[in-house]
Amino acid sequence: MERRGNLLVRSERLILRIVTCSLSQRTAAVRRISPRVAAVAVVVTLAAGAAGNAAAQQKKVFLFATGGYYIASDLYVGTTVNSKVKIDDSPTFGGRLVIMPQPHFGVELSYARAVSNVHGGTVANPLEGNVSLDQIDIGGLYAGYNGAGRGYVSLGLGSTGFTPHLQDVDGSSQWRFAWNVGAGFMFDLGRSLIGRIDGRYRGTNTNRQTGSNSYCDAFGNCYGYASMVYSSGEVTAGLGFKF
């Protein structure tokens, strides 16, 4: 009986040693693996963050399709008859390319077109038709807070082309120096899409000379620009891609 008791005690001690040794090895293995896993996790996290920031920083070029409302004013006045020519407000469409080399400063190339109906002439000889207005500009943008949404102001120079289509007669295009000022807001719509809303005032130097004619109709009634500066405005919205 005494010998059996000693054997049981020895067996229990041996099992305890084996279990203790096994636990110690597993704990040591965990201690050896944990720093490696943590280091790999940190490297992967930093790499993913850097890649995301690099991708965001690389997208400095925006290409927009725009459309909106063109606000016209009196363009022509009669030089041989006492008559003003009214130009209707109309839809406008175009495109804009924005390059942002810095977070707050950018360069914009833009084109816009509007076709406005014309009303005027005399009671006996009414003037009907339309005028195509083409606008080409290069300008600068200054953006405020650089986040998912950013407001901006713009200042640009360019040219406006007037092409009359009156009394079923197509006139020649006349291009004039122009400038514009505006303000707007851009907002991200995802990784590759961006939207914008924009309002602008435009002044076009008509190079008007006293008594000069820009158009004469079939009845011998002639018209010239109404003022030295033709004023117009536009309110637009756009959807673009980020590159």
Protein backbone atom coordinates (compact mmCIF):
# COMPACT_ATOMS: atom_id res chain seq x y z
CA MET A 1 0.00 0.00 0.00
CA GLU A 2 2.79 2.40 0.90
CA ARG A 3 4.58 1.62 -2.41
CA ARG A 4 1.38 2.32 -4.38
CA GLY A 5 0.95 5.64 -2.60
CA ASN A 6 4.49 6.70 -3.50
CA LEU A 7 3.90 5.77 -7.15
CA LEU A 8 0.72 7.88 -7.28
CA VAL A 9 2.50 10.87 -5.78
CA ARG A 10 5.37 10.55 -8.28
CA SER A 11 2.90 10.26 -11.17
CA GLU A 12 1.02 13.40 -10.09
CA ARG A 13 4.28 15.37 -9.81
CA LEU A 14 5.38 14.22 -13.28
CA ILE A 15 2.05 15.24 -14.88
CA LEU A 16 2.22 18.62 -13.15
CA ARG A 17 5.75 19.21 -14.48
CA ILE A 18 4.70 18.32 -18.05
CA VAL A 19 1.68 20.63 -17.94
CA THR A 20 3.69 23.47 -16.42
CA CYS A 21 6.45 23.11 -19.02
CA SER A 22 3.91 23.07 -21.86
CA LEU A 23 2.21 26.23 -20.61
CA SER A 24 5.57 27.96 -20.21
CA GLN A 25 6.54 27.12 -23.80
CA ARG A 26 3.23 28.39 -25.16
CA THR A 27 3.51 31.61 -23.15
CA ALA A 28 7.06 32.15 -24.39
CA ALA A 29 5.92 31.50 -27.97
CA VAL A 30 3.12 34.00 -27.58
CA ARG A 31 5.57 36.53 -26.19
CA ARG A 32 7.91 35.91 -29.13
CA ILE A 33 5.12 36.17 -31.74
CA SER A 34 3.19 39.17 -30.34
CA PRO A 35 5.87 41.84 -31.03
CA ARG A 36 6.27 40.55 -34.59
CA VAL A 37 2.55 40.58 -35.24
CA ALA A 38 2.26 44.05 -33.72
CA ALA A 39 5.13 45.34 -35.87
CA VAL A 40 3.59 43.90 -39.04
CA ALA A 41 0.21 45.39 -38.16
CA VAL A 42 1.76 48.83 -37.61
CA VAL A 43 3.65 48.68 -40.92
CA VAL A 44 0.54 47.61 -42.84
CA THR A 45 -1.54 50.36 -41.22
CA LEU A 46 1.04 53.05 -41.97
CA ALA A 47 1.43 51.83 -45.55
CA ALA A 48 -2.32 51.87 -46.13
CA GLY A 49 -2.59 55.36 -44.68
CA ALA A 50 0.31 56.62 -46.77
CA ALA A 51 -1.18 55.10 -49.90
CA GLY A 52 -4.51 56.74 -49.18
CA ASN A 53 -2.90 60.12 -48.58
CA ALA A 54 -0.77 59.75 -51.70
CA ALA A 55 -3.83 58.93 -53.77
CA ALA A 56 -5.68 61.94 -52.37
CA GLN A 57 -2.70 64.20 -52.99
CA GLN A 58 -2.28 62.97 -56.57
CA LYS A 59 -5.83 63.98 -57.51
CA LYS A 60 -5.15 67.61 -58.29
CA VAL A 61 -6.91 67.78 -61.67
CA PHE A 62 -10.68 68.14 -61.96
CA LEU A 63 -12.66 67.99 -65.21
CA PHE A 64 -16.24 69.31 -65.04
CA ALA A 65 -19.28 69.33 -67.28
CA THR A 66 -21.37 72.36 -66.36
CA GLY A 67 -24.83 73.71 -67.08
CA GLY A 68 -27.01 76.47 -65.76
CA TYR A 69 -28.68 79.79 -66.42
CA TYR A 70 -27.29 82.71 -68.46
CA ILE A 71 -28.42 86.22 -67.45
CA ALA A 72 -28.27 88.63 -70.40
CA SER A 73 -28.60 92.42 -70.81
CA ASP A 74 -29.14 94.81 -73.75
CA LEU A 75 -26.53 94.06 -76.38
CA TYR A 76 -27.54 96.07 -79.47
CA VAL A 77 -29.17 99.44 -80.06
CA GLY A 78 -30.41 100.95 -83.29
CA THR A 79 -28.01 103.40 -84.95
CA THR A 80 -30.35 104.39 -87.77
CA VAL A 81 -33.63 103.75 -85.90
CA ASN A 82 -34.64 104.50 -82.35
CA SER A 83 -34.76 100.93 -81.08
CA LYS A 84 -33.15 98.74 -78.48
CA VAL A 85 -32.59 95.05 -78.95
CA LYS A 86 -33.50 92.85 -76.01
CA ILE A 87 -31.71 89.55 -75.42
CA ASP A 88 -33.51 86.90 -73.40
CA ASP A 89 -31.96 84.96 -70.55
CA SER A 90 -31.23 81.40 -71.61
CA PRO A 91 -29.71 78.06 -70.60
CA THR A 92 -25.93 77.72 -70.80
CA PHE A 93 -23.61 74.72 -70.91
CA GLY A 94 -19.90 74.08 -71.11
CA GLY A 95 -16.88 72.54 -69.43
CA ARG A 96 -14.14 73.51 -66.99
CA LEU A 97 -10.70 72.10 -66.31
CA VAL A 98 -9.25 72.89 -62.88
CA ILE A 99 -5.64 72.24 -61.88
CA MET A 100 -4.76 72.65 -58.18
CA PRO A 101 -0.95 72.54 -57.78
CA GLN A 102 -1.42 73.74 -54.19
CA PRO A 103 -4.25 73.09 -51.71
CA HIS A 104 -5.53 76.68 -51.84
CA PHE A 105 -4.56 77.92 -55.31
CA GLY A 106 -5.60 76.66 -58.73
CA VAL A 107 -5.84 77.49 -62.43
CA GLU A 108 -9.05 77.07 -64.41
CA LEU A 109 -9.66 76.80 -68.15
CA SER A 110 -13.31 77.13 -69.14
CA TYR A 111 -15.66 77.23 -72.10
CA ALA A 112 -19.36 78.10 -72.02
CA ARG A 113 -22.03 78.65 -74.67
CA ALA A 114 -25.48 80.24 -74.60
CA VAL A 115 -27.97 80.94 -77.38
CA SER A 116 -30.32 83.81 -76.51
CA ASN A 117 -33.39 84.91 -78.41
CA VAL A 118 -33.42 88.48 -79.74
CA HIS A 119 -36.39 90.89 -79.82
CA GLY A 120 -36.36 94.44 -81.14
CA GLY A 121 -36.47 96.48 -84.29
CA THR A 122 -39.46 98.63 -85.12
CA VAL A 123 -43.18 97.96 -85.21
CA ALA A 124 -43.10 97.95 -88.99
CA ASN A 125 -39.92 95.88 -89.17
CA PRO A 126 -39.51 93.77 -86.02
CA LEU A 127 -36.12 92.22 -85.45
CA GLU A 128 -36.24 88.54 -84.53
CA GLY A 129 -33.64 85.82 -84.24
CA ASN A 130 -30.97 84.82 -81.75
CA VAL A 131 -27.38 85.49 -80.75
CA SER A 132 -24.84 82.81 -79.90
CA LEU A 133 -22.49 83.77 -77.08
CA ASP A 134 -19.29 81.76 -76.73
CA GLN A 135 -17.04 82.35 -73.73
CA ILE A 136 -13.45 81.17 -73.36
CA ASP A 137 -11.56 82.01 -70.16
CA ILE A 138 -8.48 81.32 -68.10
CA GLY A 139 -8.60 82.23 -64.43
CA GLY A 140 -7.31 81.70 -60.95
CA LEU A 141 -9.09 80.12 -58.00
CA TYR A 142 -8.44 80.72 -54.34
CA ALA A 143 -9.98 78.03 -52.13
CA GLY A 144 -10.50 78.26 -48.40
CA TYR A 145 -10.71 75.22 -46.13
CA ASN A 146 -9.31 72.18 -47.92
CA GLY A 147 -11.64 69.35 -46.92
CA ALA A 148 -14.53 67.34 -48.35
CA GLY A 149 -16.14 70.71 -49.21
CA ARG A 150 -14.41 73.99 -49.98
CA GLY A 151 -15.54 77.47 -50.94
CA TYR A 152 -13.60 79.54 -53.44
CA VAL A 153 -13.42 82.85 -55.26
CA SER A 154 -12.35 83.26 -58.88
CA LEU A 155 -10.92 85.93 -61.15
CA GLY A 156 -10.45 85.39 -64.87
CA LEU A 157 -9.69 86.89 -68.28
CA GLY A 158 -10.82 85.75 -71.67
CA SER A 159 -12.91 86.49 -74.70
CA THR A 160 -16.60 86.52 -75.64
CA GLY A 161 -17.73 85.78 -79.16
CA PHE A 162 -21.02 87.28 -80.42
CA THR A 163 -22.57 85.59 -83.47
CA PRO A 164 -25.96 87.05 -84.55
CA HIS A 165 -28.54 85.01 -86.44
CA LEU A 166 -31.14 87.66 -87.31
CA GLN A 167 -33.91 87.73 -89.91
CA ASP A 168 -32.69 84.35 -91.21
CA VAL A 169 -29.26 85.88 -91.88
CA ASP A 170 -26.13 84.60 -90.14
CA GLY A 171 -23.79 87.39 -89.11
CA SER A 172 -20.05 87.06 -88.61
CA SER A 173 -18.61 86.26 -85.18
CA GLN A 174 -17.08 89.16 -83.31
CA TRP A 175 -14.72 88.30 -80.47
CA ARG A 176 -14.18 90.81 -77.66
CA PHE A 177 -11.95 90.98 -74.58
CA ALA A 178 -13.72 89.96 -71.35
CA TRP A 179 -13.15 89.48 -67.63
CA ASN A 180 -15.08 87.77 -64.88
CA VAL A 181 -15.32 87.47 -61.11
CA GLY A 182 -17.16 84.80 -59.20
CA ALA A 183 -17.55 82.61 -56.15
CA GLY A 184 -18.58 79.03 -55.65
CA PHE A 185 -18.37 75.82 -53.68
CA MET A 186 -16.86 72.41 -54.52
CA PHE A 187 -17.75 69.22 -52.69
CA ASP A 188 -16.50 65.63 -52.93
CA LEU A 189 -18.96 62.94 -54.02
CA GLY A 190 -16.63 59.98 -53.60
CA ARG A 191 -13.10 58.95 -54.46
CA SER A 192 -13.38 60.01 -58.11
CA LEU A 193 -16.39 62.36 -58.35
CA ILE A 194 -16.71 66.01 -57.37
CA GLY A 195 -19.55 68.52 -57.66
CA ARG A 196 -19.67 72.31 -57.76
CA ILE A 197 -22.02 75.29 -57.78
CA ASP A 198 -20.86 78.63 -59.12
CA GLY A 199 -22.02 82.20 -59.74
CA ARG A 200 -20.17 84.72 -61.93
CA TYR A 201 -20.38 88.23 -63.29
CA ARG A 202 -18.83 88.92 -66.69
CA GLY A 203 -17.95 92.16 -68.39
CA THR A 204 -17.13 92.25 -72.11
CA ASN A 205 -15.48 95.23 -73.77
CA THR A 206 -17.48 95.76 -76.97
CA ASN A 207 -14.97 98.27 -78.36
CA ARG A 208 -17.97 100.36 -79.29
CA GLN A 209 -17.42 103.46 -81.39
CA THR A 210 -20.00 106.21 -81.77
CA GLY A 211 -22.20 105.59 -84.80
CA SER A 212 -20.52 102.28 -85.64
CA ASN A 213 -22.70 99.46 -86.95
CA SER A 214 -22.44 95.80 -86.01
CA TYR A 215 -25.40 94.54 -88.02
CA CYS A 216 -27.79 95.87 -90.70
CA ASP A 217 -31.00 94.03 -91.56
CA ALA A 218 -32.63 93.54 -94.94
CA PHE A 219 -34.65 96.73 -94.52
CA GLY A 220 -31.59 98.94 -94.08
CA ASN A 221 -31.96 99.28 -90.29
CA CYS A 222 -28.54 99.17 -88.65
CA TYR A 223 -27.59 98.28 -85.09
CA GLY A 224 -24.50 98.68 -82.95
CA TYR A 225 -23.46 97.66 -79.45
CA ALA A 226 -25.54 99.34 -76.75
CA SER A 227 -22.61 100.21 -74.47
CA MET A 228 -18.86 100.01 -74.09
CA VAL A 229 -19.23 97.12 -71.62
CA TYR A 230 -21.73 94.33 -72.11
CA SER A 231 -22.69 92.89 -68.71
CA SER A 232 -23.89 89.36 -68.14
CA GLY A 233 -24.06 86.80 -65.39
CA GLU A 234 -24.41 83.09 -64.94
CA VAL A 235 -25.35 80.58 -62.26
CA THR A 236 -24.14 77.05 -62.93
CA ALA A 237 -23.74 73.63 -61.38
CA GLY A 238 -21.29 70.97 -62.46
CA LEU A 239 -20.27 67.36 -62.02
CA GLY A 240 -16.68 66.32 -62.54
CA PHE A 241 -14.02 63.64 -62.26
CA LYS A 242 -10.88 63.84 -60.14
CA PHE A 243 -7.57 62.71 -61.63
